[in-house]
mmCIF file of all heavy atoms, coordinates in Angstrom:
data_MODEL
# 
_entry.id   MODEL 
# 
loop_
_atom_site.group_PDB 
_atom_site.id 
_atom_site.type_symbol 
_atom_site.label_atom_id 
_atom_site.label_alt_id 
_atom_site.label_comp_id 
_atom_site.label_asym_id 
_atom_site.label_entity_id 
_atom_site.label_seq_id 
_atom_site.pdbx_PDB_ins_code 
_atom_site.Cartn_x 
_atom_site.Cartn_y 
_atom_site.Cartn_z 
_atom_site.occupancy 
_atom_site.B_iso_or_equiv 
_atom_site.pdbx_formal_charge 
_atom_site.auth_seq_id 
_atom_site.auth_comp_id 
_atom_site.auth_asym_id 
_atom_site.auth_atom_id 
_atom_site.pdbx_PDB_model_num 
ATOM 1   N N   . ARG A 1 1  ? -12.267 -5.360 -11.932 1.00 0.00 ? 1  ARG A N   1 
ATOM 2   C CA  . ARG A 1 1  ? -11.981 -4.836 -13.192 1.00 0.00 ? 1  ARG A CA  1 
ATOM 3   C C   . ARG A 1 1  ? -10.983 -3.773 -13.140 1.00 0.00 ? 1  ARG A C   1 
ATOM 4   O O   . ARG A 1 1  ? -10.911 -3.060 -12.126 1.00 0.00 ? 1  ARG A O   1 
ATOM 5   C CB  . ARG A 1 1  ? -13.219 -4.327 -13.907 1.00 0.00 ? 1  ARG A CB  1 
ATOM 6   C CG  . ARG A 1 1  ? -14.323 -5.519 -14.185 1.00 0.00 ? 1  ARG A CG  1 
ATOM 7   C CD  . ARG A 1 1  ? -15.535 -4.974 -14.603 1.00 0.00 ? 1  ARG A CD  1 
ATOM 8   N NE  . ARG A 1 1  ? -15.336 -4.280 -15.934 1.00 0.00 ? 1  ARG A NE  1 
ATOM 9   C CZ  . ARG A 1 1  ? -16.272 -3.645 -16.589 1.00 0.00 ? 1  ARG A CZ  1 
ATOM 10  N NH1 . ARG A 1 1  ? -17.579 -3.639 -16.022 1.00 0.00 ? 1  ARG A NH1 1 
ATOM 11  N NH2 . ARG A 1 1  ? -16.135 -3.056 -17.673 1.00 0.00 ? 1  ARG A NH2 1 
ATOM 12  N N   . GLU A 1 2  ? -10.311 -3.498 -14.290 1.00 0.00 ? 2  GLU A N   1 
ATOM 13  C CA  . GLU A 1 2  ? -9.435  -2.333 -14.368 1.00 0.00 ? 2  GLU A CA  1 
ATOM 14  C C   . GLU A 1 2  ? -8.340  -2.194 -13.374 1.00 0.00 ? 2  GLU A C   1 
ATOM 15  O O   . GLU A 1 2  ? -8.206  -1.203 -12.722 1.00 0.00 ? 2  GLU A O   1 
ATOM 16  C CB  . GLU A 1 2  ? -10.300 -1.107 -14.502 1.00 0.00 ? 2  GLU A CB  1 
ATOM 17  C CG  . GLU A 1 2  ? -11.233 -1.096 -15.651 1.00 0.00 ? 2  GLU A CG  1 
ATOM 18  C CD  . GLU A 1 2  ? -12.141 0.193  -15.789 1.00 0.00 ? 2  GLU A CD  1 
ATOM 19  O OE1 . GLU A 1 2  ? -12.416 0.703  -14.741 1.00 0.00 ? 2  GLU A OE1 1 
ATOM 20  O OE2 . GLU A 1 2  ? -12.463 0.457  -16.843 1.00 0.00 ? 2  GLU A OE2 1 
ATOM 21  N N   . PHE A 1 3  ? -7.686  -3.252 -13.026 1.00 0.00 ? 3  PHE A N   1 
ATOM 22  C CA  . PHE A 1 3  ? -6.694  -3.371 -11.952 1.00 0.00 ? 3  PHE A CA  1 
ATOM 23  C C   . PHE A 1 3  ? -5.645  -2.286 -12.266 1.00 0.00 ? 3  PHE A C   1 
ATOM 24  O O   . PHE A 1 3  ? -5.119  -1.630 -11.317 1.00 0.00 ? 3  PHE A O   1 
ATOM 25  C CB  . PHE A 1 3  ? -6.050  -4.721 -11.924 1.00 0.00 ? 3  PHE A CB  1 
ATOM 26  C CG  . PHE A 1 3  ? -4.877  -4.846 -10.976 1.00 0.00 ? 3  PHE A CG  1 
ATOM 27  C CD1 . PHE A 1 3  ? -5.071  -4.775 -9.622  1.00 0.00 ? 3  PHE A CD1 1 
ATOM 28  C CD2 . PHE A 1 3  ? -3.626  -5.001 -11.534 1.00 0.00 ? 3  PHE A CD2 1 
ATOM 29  C CE1 . PHE A 1 3  ? -3.955  -4.883 -8.791  1.00 0.00 ? 3  PHE A CE1 1 
ATOM 30  C CE2 . PHE A 1 3  ? -2.529  -5.064 -10.739 1.00 0.00 ? 3  PHE A CE2 1 
ATOM 31  C CZ  . PHE A 1 3  ? -2.721  -5.050 -9.250  1.00 0.00 ? 3  PHE A CZ  1 
ATOM 32  N N   . GLU A 1 4  ? -5.407  -1.940 -13.571 1.00 0.00 ? 4  GLU A N   1 
ATOM 33  C CA  . GLU A 1 4  ? -4.238  -0.978 -13.873 1.00 0.00 ? 4  GLU A CA  1 
ATOM 34  C C   . GLU A 1 4  ? -4.643  0.370  -13.505 1.00 0.00 ? 4  GLU A C   1 
ATOM 35  O O   . GLU A 1 4  ? -3.773  1.236  -13.553 1.00 0.00 ? 4  GLU A O   1 
ATOM 36  C CB  . GLU A 1 4  ? -3.970  -1.167 -15.310 1.00 0.00 ? 4  GLU A CB  1 
ATOM 37  C CG  . GLU A 1 4  ? -5.086  -0.584 -16.256 1.00 0.00 ? 4  GLU A CG  1 
ATOM 38  C CD  . GLU A 1 4  ? -6.191  -1.692 -16.570 1.00 0.00 ? 4  GLU A CD  1 
ATOM 39  O OE1 . GLU A 1 4  ? -6.114  -2.808 -15.952 1.00 0.00 ? 4  GLU A OE1 1 
ATOM 40  O OE2 . GLU A 1 4  ? -7.155  -1.391 -17.315 1.00 0.00 ? 4  GLU A OE2 1 
ATOM 41  N N   . THR A 1 5  ? -5.882  0.694  -13.080 1.00 0.00 ? 5  THR A N   1 
ATOM 42  C CA  . THR A 1 5  ? -6.240  2.033  -12.727 1.00 0.00 ? 5  THR A CA  1 
ATOM 43  C C   . THR A 1 5  ? -6.007  2.323  -11.290 1.00 0.00 ? 5  THR A C   1 
ATOM 44  O O   . THR A 1 5  ? -6.355  3.277  -10.772 1.00 0.00 ? 5  THR A O   1 
ATOM 45  C CB  . THR A 1 5  ? -7.763  2.306  -13.115 1.00 0.00 ? 5  THR A CB  1 
ATOM 46  O OG1 . THR A 1 5  ? -8.604  1.406  -12.294 1.00 0.00 ? 5  THR A OG1 1 
ATOM 47  C CG2 . THR A 1 5  ? -8.000  2.072  -14.597 1.00 0.00 ? 5  THR A CG2 1 
ATOM 48  N N   . TYR A 1 6  ? -5.546  1.286  -10.539 1.00 0.00 ? 6  TYR A N   1 
ATOM 49  C CA  . TYR A 1 6  ? -5.318  1.513  -9.106  1.00 0.00 ? 6  TYR A CA  1 
ATOM 50  C C   . TYR A 1 6  ? -3.900  1.693  -8.808  1.00 0.00 ? 6  TYR A C   1 
ATOM 51  O O   . TYR A 1 6  ? -2.956  0.997  -9.313  1.00 0.00 ? 6  TYR A O   1 
ATOM 52  C CB  . TYR A 1 6  ? -5.834  0.219  -8.372  1.00 0.00 ? 6  TYR A CB  1 
ATOM 53  C CG  . TYR A 1 6  ? -7.299  0.171  -8.338  1.00 0.00 ? 6  TYR A CG  1 
ATOM 54  C CD1 . TYR A 1 6  ? -7.918  -0.444 -9.449  1.00 0.00 ? 6  TYR A CD1 1 
ATOM 55  C CD2 . TYR A 1 6  ? -8.026  0.615  -7.266  1.00 0.00 ? 6  TYR A CD2 1 
ATOM 56  C CE1 . TYR A 1 6  ? -9.335  -0.573 -9.439  1.00 0.00 ? 6  TYR A CE1 1 
ATOM 57  C CE2 . TYR A 1 6  ? -9.444  0.465  -7.329  1.00 0.00 ? 6  TYR A CE2 1 
ATOM 58  C CZ  . TYR A 1 6  ? -10.066 -0.076 -8.401  1.00 0.00 ? 6  TYR A CZ  1 
ATOM 59  O OH  . TYR A 1 6  ? -11.436 -0.214 -8.387  1.00 0.00 ? 6  TYR A OH  1 
ATOM 60  N N   . ALA A 1 7  ? -3.507  2.566  -7.893  1.00 0.00 ? 7  ALA A N   1 
ATOM 61  C CA  . ALA A 1 7  ? -2.256  2.613  -7.351  1.00 0.00 ? 7  ALA A CA  1 
ATOM 62  C C   . ALA A 1 7  ? -2.254  1.603  -6.140  1.00 0.00 ? 7  ALA A C   1 
ATOM 63  O O   . ALA A 1 7  ? -3.226  1.468  -5.454  1.00 0.00 ? 7  ALA A O   1 
ATOM 64  C CB  . ALA A 1 7  ? -1.916  3.951  -6.635  1.00 0.00 ? 7  ALA A CB  1 
ATOM 65  N N   . MET A 1 8  ? -1.159  0.851  -6.024  1.00 0.00 ? 8  MET A N   1 
ATOM 66  C CA  . MET A 1 8  ? -1.104  -0.222 -5.063  1.00 0.00 ? 8  MET A CA  1 
ATOM 67  C C   . MET A 1 8  ? -0.062  0.064  -4.019  1.00 0.00 ? 8  MET A C   1 
ATOM 68  O O   . MET A 1 8  ? 0.971   0.666  -4.258  1.00 0.00 ? 8  MET A O   1 
ATOM 69  C CB  . MET A 1 8  ? -0.885  -1.564 -5.674  1.00 0.00 ? 8  MET A CB  1 
ATOM 70  C CG  . MET A 1 8  ? -1.821  -1.962 -6.763  1.00 0.00 ? 8  MET A CG  1 
ATOM 71  S SD  . MET A 1 8  ? -3.442  -2.206 -6.163  1.00 0.00 ? 8  MET A SD  1 
ATOM 72  C CE  . MET A 1 8  ? -3.103  -3.620 -5.040  1.00 0.00 ? 8  MET A CE  1 
ATOM 73  N N   . GLY A 1 9  ? -0.337  -0.480 -2.748  1.00 0.00 ? 9  GLY A N   1 
ATOM 74  C CA  . GLY A 1 9  ? 0.569   -0.237 -1.709  1.00 0.00 ? 9  GLY A CA  1 
ATOM 75  C C   . GLY A 1 9  ? 0.627   -1.450 -0.754  1.00 0.00 ? 9  GLY A C   1 
ATOM 76  O O   . GLY A 1 9  ? -0.195  -2.341 -0.785  1.00 0.00 ? 9  GLY A O   1 
ATOM 77  N N   . TRP A 1 10 ? 1.853   -1.538 -0.168  1.00 0.00 ? 10 TRP A N   1 
ATOM 78  C CA  . TRP A 1 10 ? 2.042   -2.508 0.900   1.00 0.00 ? 10 TRP A CA  1 
ATOM 79  C C   . TRP A 1 10 ? 2.254   -1.759 2.237   1.00 0.00 ? 10 TRP A C   1 
ATOM 80  O O   . TRP A 1 10 ? 3.013   -0.814 2.307   1.00 0.00 ? 10 TRP A O   1 
ATOM 81  C CB  . TRP A 1 10 ? 3.224   -3.488 0.709   1.00 0.00 ? 10 TRP A CB  1 
ATOM 82  C CG  . TRP A 1 10 ? 3.073   -4.470 -0.316  1.00 0.00 ? 10 TRP A CG  1 
ATOM 83  C CD1 . TRP A 1 10 ? 3.437   -4.470 -1.706  1.00 0.00 ? 10 TRP A CD1 1 
ATOM 84  C CD2 . TRP A 1 10 ? 2.485   -5.687 -0.226  1.00 0.00 ? 10 TRP A CD2 1 
ATOM 85  N NE1 . TRP A 1 10 ? 3.132   -5.619 -2.397  1.00 0.00 ? 10 TRP A NE1 1 
ATOM 86  C CE2 . TRP A 1 10 ? 2.525   -6.436 -1.432  1.00 0.00 ? 10 TRP A CE2 1 
ATOM 87  C CE3 . TRP A 1 10 ? 1.883   -6.389 0.891   1.00 0.00 ? 10 TRP A CE3 1 
ATOM 88  C CZ2 . TRP A 1 10 ? 1.989   -7.741 -1.696  1.00 0.00 ? 10 TRP A CZ2 1 
ATOM 89  C CZ3 . TRP A 1 10 ? 1.377   -7.732 0.725   1.00 0.00 ? 10 TRP A CZ3 1 
ATOM 90  C CH2 . TRP A 1 10 ? 1.492   -8.348 -0.585  1.00 0.00 ? 10 TRP A CH2 1 
ATOM 91  N N   . PHE A 1 11 ? 1.545   -2.249 3.180   1.00 0.00 ? 11 PHE A N   1 
ATOM 92  C CA  . PHE A 1 11 ? 1.660   -1.666 4.591   1.00 0.00 ? 11 PHE A CA  1 
ATOM 93  C C   . PHE A 1 11 ? 1.906   -2.814 5.571   1.00 0.00 ? 11 PHE A C   1 
ATOM 94  O O   . PHE A 1 11 ? 1.783   -4.048 5.215   1.00 0.00 ? 11 PHE A O   1 
ATOM 95  C CB  . PHE A 1 11 ? 0.352   -0.962 5.024   1.00 0.00 ? 11 PHE A CB  1 
ATOM 96  C CG  . PHE A 1 11 ? 0.115   0.328  4.383   1.00 0.00 ? 11 PHE A CG  1 
ATOM 97  C CD1 . PHE A 1 11 ? -0.263  0.410  3.067   1.00 0.00 ? 11 PHE A CD1 1 
ATOM 98  C CD2 . PHE A 1 11 ? 0.293   1.497  5.043   1.00 0.00 ? 11 PHE A CD2 1 
ATOM 99  C CE1 . PHE A 1 11 ? -0.470  1.592  2.357   1.00 0.00 ? 11 PHE A CE1 1 
ATOM 100 C CE2 . PHE A 1 11 ? 0.080   2.757  4.425   1.00 0.00 ? 11 PHE A CE2 1 
ATOM 101 C CZ  . PHE A 1 11 ? -0.354  2.804  3.033   1.00 0.00 ? 11 PHE A CZ  1 
ATOM 102 N N   . ARG A 1 12 ? 2.424   -2.530 6.726   1.00 0.00 ? 12 ARG A N   1 
ATOM 103 C CA  . ARG A 1 12 ? 2.528   -3.495 7.732   1.00 0.00 ? 12 ARG A CA  1 
ATOM 104 C C   . ARG A 1 12 ? 2.260   -2.929 9.094   1.00 0.00 ? 12 ARG A C   1 
ATOM 105 O O   . ARG A 1 12 ? 2.312   -1.754 9.464   1.00 0.00 ? 12 ARG A O   1 
ATOM 106 C CB  . ARG A 1 12 ? 4.054   -4.074 7.772   1.00 0.00 ? 12 ARG A CB  1 
ATOM 107 C CG  . ARG A 1 12 ? 5.049   -3.040 8.244   1.00 0.00 ? 12 ARG A CG  1 
ATOM 108 C CD  . ARG A 1 12 ? 6.426   -3.534 8.038   1.00 0.00 ? 12 ARG A CD  1 
ATOM 109 N NE  . ARG A 1 12 ? 7.556   -2.667 8.537   1.00 0.00 ? 12 ARG A NE  1 
ATOM 110 C CZ  . ARG A 1 12 ? 8.804   -3.025 8.318   1.00 0.00 ? 12 ARG A CZ  1 
ATOM 111 N NH1 . ARG A 1 12 ? 9.231   -4.028 7.733   1.00 0.00 ? 12 ARG A NH1 1 
ATOM 112 N NH2 . ARG A 1 12 ? 9.669   -2.152 8.779   1.00 0.00 ? 12 ARG A NH2 1 
ATOM 113 N N   . GLN A 1 13 ? 1.815   -3.864 10.003  1.00 0.00 ? 13 GLN A N   1 
ATOM 114 C CA  . GLN A 1 13 ? 1.476   -3.477 11.280  1.00 0.00 ? 13 GLN A CA  1 
ATOM 115 C C   . GLN A 1 13 ? 2.071   -4.485 12.360  1.00 0.00 ? 13 GLN A C   1 
ATOM 116 O O   . GLN A 1 13 ? 1.712   -5.679 12.273  1.00 0.00 ? 13 GLN A O   1 
ATOM 117 C CB  . GLN A 1 13 ? 0.002   -3.279 11.487  1.00 0.00 ? 13 GLN A CB  1 
ATOM 118 C CG  . GLN A 1 13 ? -0.452  -2.783 12.879  1.00 0.00 ? 13 GLN A CG  1 
ATOM 119 C CD  . GLN A 1 13 ? -1.883  -2.323 12.892  1.00 0.00 ? 13 GLN A CD  1 
ATOM 120 O OE1 . GLN A 1 13 ? -2.689  -2.868 12.152  1.00 0.00 ? 13 GLN A OE1 1 
ATOM 121 N NE2 . GLN A 1 13 ? -2.203  -1.474 13.836  1.00 0.00 ? 13 GLN A NE2 1 
ATOM 122 N N   . SER A 1 14 ? 2.865   -3.924 13.386  1.00 0.00 ? 14 SER A N   1 
ATOM 123 C CA  . SER A 1 14 ? 3.431   -4.821 14.392  1.00 0.00 ? 14 SER A CA  1 
ATOM 124 C C   . SER A 1 14 ? 2.661   -4.607 15.600  1.00 0.00 ? 14 SER A C   1 
ATOM 125 O O   . SER A 1 14 ? 1.940   -3.541 15.810  1.00 0.00 ? 14 SER A O   1 
ATOM 126 C CB  . SER A 1 14 ? 4.883   -4.418 14.648  1.00 0.00 ? 14 SER A CB  1 
ATOM 127 O OG  . SER A 1 14 ? 5.628   -4.522 13.524  1.00 0.00 ? 14 SER A OG  1 
ATOM 128 N N   . PRO A 1 15 ? 2.632   -5.480 16.543  1.00 0.00 ? 15 PRO A N   1 
ATOM 129 C CA  . PRO A 1 15 ? 1.847   -5.303 17.805  1.00 0.00 ? 15 PRO A CA  1 
ATOM 130 C C   . PRO A 1 15 ? 2.113   -4.106 18.544  1.00 0.00 ? 15 PRO A C   1 
ATOM 131 O O   . PRO A 1 15 ? 3.261   -3.854 18.803  1.00 0.00 ? 15 PRO A O   1 
ATOM 132 C CB  . PRO A 1 15 ? 2.195   -6.626 18.595  1.00 0.00 ? 15 PRO A CB  1 
ATOM 133 C CG  . PRO A 1 15 ? 2.589   -7.604 17.642  1.00 0.00 ? 15 PRO A CG  1 
ATOM 134 C CD  . PRO A 1 15 ? 3.250   -6.871 16.520  1.00 0.00 ? 15 PRO A CD  1 
ATOM 135 N N   . GLY A 1 16 ? 1.083   -3.347 18.855  1.00 0.00 ? 16 GLY A N   1 
ATOM 136 C CA  . GLY A 1 16 ? 1.196   -2.172 19.601  1.00 0.00 ? 16 GLY A CA  1 
ATOM 137 C C   . GLY A 1 16 ? 1.666   -0.966 18.734  1.00 0.00 ? 16 GLY A C   1 
ATOM 138 O O   . GLY A 1 16 ? 1.974   0.183  19.357  1.00 0.00 ? 16 GLY A O   1 
ATOM 139 N N   . LYS A 1 17 ? 1.785   -1.107 17.427  1.00 0.00 ? 17 LYS A N   1 
ATOM 140 C CA  . LYS A 1 17 ? 2.226   0.018  16.606  1.00 0.00 ? 17 LYS A CA  1 
ATOM 141 C C   . LYS A 1 17 ? 1.199   0.357  15.633  1.00 0.00 ? 17 LYS A C   1 
ATOM 142 O O   . LYS A 1 17 ? 0.352   -0.417 15.224  1.00 0.00 ? 17 LYS A O   1 
ATOM 143 C CB  . LYS A 1 17 ? 3.648   -0.427 15.884  1.00 0.00 ? 17 LYS A CB  1 
ATOM 144 C CG  . LYS A 1 17 ? 4.781   -0.570 16.796  1.00 0.00 ? 17 LYS A CG  1 
ATOM 145 C CD  . LYS A 1 17 ? 6.019   -0.871 16.074  1.00 0.00 ? 17 LYS A CD  1 
ATOM 146 C CE  . LYS A 1 17 ? 7.231   -0.916 16.953  1.00 0.00 ? 17 LYS A CE  1 
ATOM 147 N NZ  . LYS A 1 17 ? 8.462   -1.187 16.102  1.00 0.00 ? 17 LYS A NZ  1 
ATOM 148 N N   . GLU A 1 18 ? 1.366   1.600  15.023  1.00 0.00 ? 18 GLU A N   1 
ATOM 149 C CA  . GLU A 1 18 ? 0.481   2.005  13.921  1.00 0.00 ? 18 GLU A CA  1 
ATOM 150 C C   . GLU A 1 18 ? 0.860   1.232  12.617  1.00 0.00 ? 18 GLU A C   1 
ATOM 151 O O   . GLU A 1 18 ? 1.980   0.780  12.455  1.00 0.00 ? 18 GLU A O   1 
ATOM 152 C CB  . GLU A 1 18 ? 0.683   3.516  13.668  1.00 0.00 ? 18 GLU A CB  1 
ATOM 153 C CG  . GLU A 1 18 ? 0.160   4.336  14.936  1.00 0.00 ? 18 GLU A CG  1 
ATOM 154 C CD  . GLU A 1 18 ? -1.294  4.337  15.001  1.00 0.00 ? 18 GLU A CD  1 
ATOM 155 O OE1 . GLU A 1 18 ? -1.974  4.397  14.030  1.00 0.00 ? 18 GLU A OE1 1 
ATOM 156 O OE2 . GLU A 1 18 ? -1.695  4.460  16.148  1.00 0.00 ? 18 GLU A OE2 1 
ATOM 157 N N   . ARG A 1 19 ? -0.195  1.139  11.799  1.00 0.00 ? 19 ARG A N   1 
ATOM 158 C CA  . ARG A 1 19 ? 0.086   0.528  10.537  1.00 0.00 ? 19 ARG A CA  1 
ATOM 159 C C   . ARG A 1 19 ? 0.914   1.591  9.783   1.00 0.00 ? 19 ARG A C   1 
ATOM 160 O O   . ARG A 1 19 ? 0.627   2.686  9.684   1.00 0.00 ? 19 ARG A O   1 
ATOM 161 C CB  . ARG A 1 19 ? -1.250  0.224  9.790   1.00 0.00 ? 19 ARG A CB  1 
ATOM 162 C CG  . ARG A 1 19 ? -1.048  -0.487 8.538   1.00 0.00 ? 19 ARG A CG  1 
ATOM 163 C CD  . ARG A 1 19 ? -2.449  -0.859 7.909   1.00 0.00 ? 19 ARG A CD  1 
ATOM 164 N NE  . ARG A 1 19 ? -3.203  -1.646 8.871   1.00 0.00 ? 19 ARG A NE  1 
ATOM 165 C CZ  . ARG A 1 19 ? -4.339  -2.248 8.469   1.00 0.00 ? 19 ARG A CZ  1 
ATOM 166 N NH1 . ARG A 1 19 ? -4.875  -2.081 7.281   1.00 0.00 ? 19 ARG A NH1 1 
ATOM 167 N NH2 . ARG A 1 19 ? -5.107  -3.112 9.362   1.00 0.00 ? 19 ARG A NH2 1 
ATOM 168 N N   . GLU A 1 20 ? 2.035   1.003  9.179   1.00 0.00 ? 20 GLU A N   1 
ATOM 169 C CA  . GLU A 1 20 ? 2.937   1.876  8.406   1.00 0.00 ? 20 GLU A CA  1 
ATOM 170 C C   . GLU A 1 20 ? 3.092   1.488  7.025   1.00 0.00 ? 20 GLU A C   1 
ATOM 171 O O   . GLU A 1 20 ? 3.053   0.269  6.656   1.00 0.00 ? 20 GLU A O   1 
ATOM 172 C CB  . GLU A 1 20 ? 4.280   1.875  9.148   1.00 0.00 ? 20 GLU A CB  1 
ATOM 173 C CG  . GLU A 1 20 ? 5.043   0.585  9.027   1.00 0.00 ? 20 GLU A CG  1 
ATOM 174 C CD  . GLU A 1 20 ? 6.447   0.657  9.676   1.00 0.00 ? 20 GLU A CD  1 
ATOM 175 O OE1 . GLU A 1 20 ? 6.888   1.674  9.919   1.00 0.00 ? 20 GLU A OE1 1 
ATOM 176 O OE2 . GLU A 1 20 ? 7.058   -0.433 9.713   1.00 0.00 ? 20 GLU A OE2 1 
ATOM 177 N N   . PHE A 1 21 ? 3.372   2.589  6.192   1.00 0.00 ? 21 PHE A N   1 
ATOM 178 C CA  . PHE A 1 21 ? 3.665   2.356  4.738   1.00 0.00 ? 21 PHE A CA  1 
ATOM 179 C C   . PHE A 1 21 ? 5.026   1.591  4.572   1.00 0.00 ? 21 PHE A C   1 
ATOM 180 O O   . PHE A 1 21 ? 5.975   1.889  5.238   1.00 0.00 ? 21 PHE A O   1 
ATOM 181 C CB  . PHE A 1 21 ? 3.735   3.715  4.045   1.00 0.00 ? 21 PHE A CB  1 
ATOM 182 C CG  . PHE A 1 21 ? 4.143   3.674  2.627   1.00 0.00 ? 21 PHE A CG  1 
ATOM 183 C CD1 . PHE A 1 21 ? 3.279   3.272  1.634   1.00 0.00 ? 21 PHE A CD1 1 
ATOM 184 C CD2 . PHE A 1 21 ? 5.435   3.983  2.236   1.00 0.00 ? 21 PHE A CD2 1 
ATOM 185 C CE1 . PHE A 1 21 ? 3.738   3.238  0.366   1.00 0.00 ? 21 PHE A CE1 1 
ATOM 186 C CE2 . PHE A 1 21 ? 5.859   3.935  0.954   1.00 0.00 ? 21 PHE A CE2 1 
ATOM 187 C CZ  . PHE A 1 21 ? 4.934   3.646  -0.089  1.00 0.00 ? 21 PHE A CZ  1 
ATOM 188 N N   . VAL A 1 22 ? 4.986   0.654  3.661   1.00 0.00 ? 22 VAL A N   1 
ATOM 189 C CA  . VAL A 1 22 ? 6.288   -0.118 3.310   1.00 0.00 ? 22 VAL A CA  1 
ATOM 190 C C   . VAL A 1 22 ? 6.726   0.237  1.877   1.00 0.00 ? 22 VAL A C   1 
ATOM 191 O O   . VAL A 1 22 ? 7.814   0.593  1.672   1.00 0.00 ? 22 VAL A O   1 
ATOM 192 C CB  . VAL A 1 22 ? 6.036   -1.560 3.377   1.00 0.00 ? 22 VAL A CB  1 
ATOM 193 C CG1 . VAL A 1 22 ? 7.253   -2.318 3.066   1.00 0.00 ? 22 VAL A CG1 1 
ATOM 194 C CG2 . VAL A 1 22 ? 5.595   -1.965 4.853   1.00 0.00 ? 22 VAL A CG2 1 
ATOM 195 N N   . ALA A 1 23 ? 5.837   0.049  0.945   1.00 0.00 ? 23 ALA A N   1 
ATOM 196 C CA  . ALA A 1 23 ? 6.155   0.279  -0.387  1.00 0.00 ? 23 ALA A CA  1 
ATOM 197 C C   . ALA A 1 23 ? 4.875   0.532  -1.175  1.00 0.00 ? 23 ALA A C   1 
ATOM 198 O O   . ALA A 1 23 ? 3.764   0.011  -0.863  1.00 0.00 ? 23 ALA A O   1 
ATOM 199 C CB  . ALA A 1 23 ? 6.980   -0.861 -1.033  1.00 0.00 ? 23 ALA A CB  1 
ATOM 200 N N   . GLY A 1 24 ? 4.972   1.281  -2.395  1.00 0.00 ? 24 GLY A N   1 
ATOM 201 C CA  . GLY A 1 24 ? 3.828   1.409  -3.195  1.00 0.00 ? 24 GLY A CA  1 
ATOM 202 C C   . GLY A 1 24 ? 4.165   2.083  -4.521  1.00 0.00 ? 24 GLY A C   1 
ATOM 203 O O   . GLY A 1 24 ? 5.388   2.455  -4.684  1.00 0.00 ? 24 GLY A O   1 
ATOM 204 N N   . ASP A 1 25 ? 3.271   2.070  -5.430  1.00 0.00 ? 25 ASP A N   1 
ATOM 205 C CA  . ASP A 1 25 ? 3.593   2.626  -6.690  1.00 0.00 ? 25 ASP A CA  1 
ATOM 206 C C   . ASP A 1 25 ? 2.621   3.875  -7.073  1.00 0.00 ? 25 ASP A C   1 
ATOM 207 O O   . ASP A 1 25 ? 1.793   4.098  -6.283  1.00 0.00 ? 25 ASP A O   1 
ATOM 208 C CB  . ASP A 1 25 ? 3.656   1.586  -7.823  1.00 0.00 ? 25 ASP A CB  1 
ATOM 209 C CG  . ASP A 1 25 ? 2.240   1.037  -8.155  1.00 0.00 ? 25 ASP A CG  1 
ATOM 210 O OD1 . ASP A 1 25 ? 1.262   1.398  -7.487  1.00 0.00 ? 25 ASP A OD1 1 
ATOM 211 O OD2 . ASP A 1 25 ? 2.166   0.130  -9.082  1.00 0.00 ? 25 ASP A OD2 1 
ATOM 212 N N   . ARG A 1 26 ? 2.741   4.410  -8.216  1.00 0.00 ? 26 ARG A N   1 
ATOM 213 C CA  . ARG A 1 26 ? 1.872   5.454  -8.663  1.00 0.00 ? 26 ARG A CA  1 
ATOM 214 C C   . ARG A 1 26 ? 1.493   5.130  -10.061 1.00 0.00 ? 26 ARG A C   1 
ATOM 215 O O   . ARG A 1 26 ? 2.083   4.414  -10.784 1.00 0.00 ? 26 ARG A O   1 
ATOM 216 C CB  . ARG A 1 26 ? 2.613   6.783  -8.623  1.00 0.00 ? 26 ARG A CB  1 
ATOM 217 C CG  . ARG A 1 26 ? 3.791   6.943  -9.470  1.00 0.00 ? 26 ARG A CG  1 
ATOM 218 C CD  . ARG A 1 26 ? 4.597   8.201  -9.374  1.00 0.00 ? 26 ARG A CD  1 
ATOM 219 N NE  . ARG A 1 26 ? 5.649   8.370  -10.280 1.00 0.00 ? 26 ARG A NE  1 
ATOM 220 C CZ  . ARG A 1 26 ? 6.424   9.476  -10.247 1.00 0.00 ? 26 ARG A CZ  1 
ATOM 221 N NH1 . ARG A 1 26 ? 6.226   10.486 -9.364  1.00 0.00 ? 26 ARG A NH1 1 
ATOM 222 N NH2 . ARG A 1 26 ? 7.471   9.530  -11.052 1.00 0.00 ? 26 ARG A NH2 1 
ATOM 223 N N   . ARG A 1 27 ? 0.234   5.587  -10.387 1.00 0.00 ? 27 ARG A N   1 
ATOM 224 C CA  . ARG A 1 27 ? -0.367  5.239  -11.745 1.00 0.00 ? 27 ARG A CA  1 
ATOM 225 C C   . ARG A 1 27 ? 0.497   5.759  -12.877 1.00 0.00 ? 27 ARG A C   1 
ATOM 226 O O   . ARG A 1 27 ? 0.520   5.068  -13.985 1.00 0.00 ? 27 ARG A O   1 
ATOM 227 C CB  . ARG A 1 27 ? -1.746  5.775  -11.707 1.00 0.00 ? 27 ARG A CB  1 
ATOM 228 C CG  . ARG A 1 27 ? -2.416  5.521  -13.119 1.00 0.00 ? 27 ARG A CG  1 
ATOM 229 C CD  . ARG A 1 27 ? -3.665  4.693  -13.082 1.00 0.00 ? 27 ARG A CD  1 
ATOM 230 N NE  . ARG A 1 27 ? -4.126  4.306  -14.342 1.00 0.00 ? 27 ARG A NE  1 
ATOM 231 C CZ  . ARG A 1 27 ? -5.243  4.789  -14.795 1.00 0.00 ? 27 ARG A CZ  1 
ATOM 232 N NH1 . ARG A 1 27 ? -6.001  5.583  -14.200 1.00 0.00 ? 27 ARG A NH1 1 
ATOM 233 N NH2 . ARG A 1 27 ? -5.609  4.411  -16.135 1.00 0.00 ? 27 ARG A NH2 1 
ATOM 234 N N   . TYR A 1 28 ? 1.139   6.943  -12.728 1.00 0.00 ? 28 TYR A N   1 
ATOM 235 C CA  . TYR A 1 28 ? 1.750   7.587  -13.795 1.00 0.00 ? 28 TYR A CA  1 
ATOM 236 C C   . TYR A 1 28 ? 2.802   6.676  -14.573 1.00 0.00 ? 28 TYR A C   1 
ATOM 237 O O   . TYR A 1 28 ? 2.802   6.577  -15.760 1.00 0.00 ? 28 TYR A O   1 
ATOM 238 C CB  . TYR A 1 28 ? 2.392   8.909  -13.359 1.00 0.00 ? 28 TYR A CB  1 
ATOM 239 C CG  . TYR A 1 28 ? 3.267   9.649  -14.449 1.00 0.00 ? 28 TYR A CG  1 
ATOM 240 C CD1 . TYR A 1 28 ? 2.598   10.217 -15.473 1.00 0.00 ? 28 TYR A CD1 1 
ATOM 241 C CD2 . TYR A 1 28 ? 4.602   9.636  -14.323 1.00 0.00 ? 28 TYR A CD2 1 
ATOM 242 C CE1 . TYR A 1 28 ? 3.327   10.890 -16.456 1.00 0.00 ? 28 TYR A CE1 1 
ATOM 243 C CE2 . TYR A 1 28 ? 5.350   10.337 -15.208 1.00 0.00 ? 28 TYR A CE2 1 
ATOM 244 C CZ  . TYR A 1 28 ? 4.630   10.934 -16.339 1.00 0.00 ? 28 TYR A CZ  1 
ATOM 245 O OH  . TYR A 1 28 ? 5.398   11.610 -17.256 1.00 0.00 ? 28 TYR A OH  1 
# 
């Protein structure tokens, strides 16, 4: 429920690397 109350993000992880931020939004 209430999907619109969440900030959403995309991350990615390559072998041997840390998971990194790719894109995301803000609620405002």
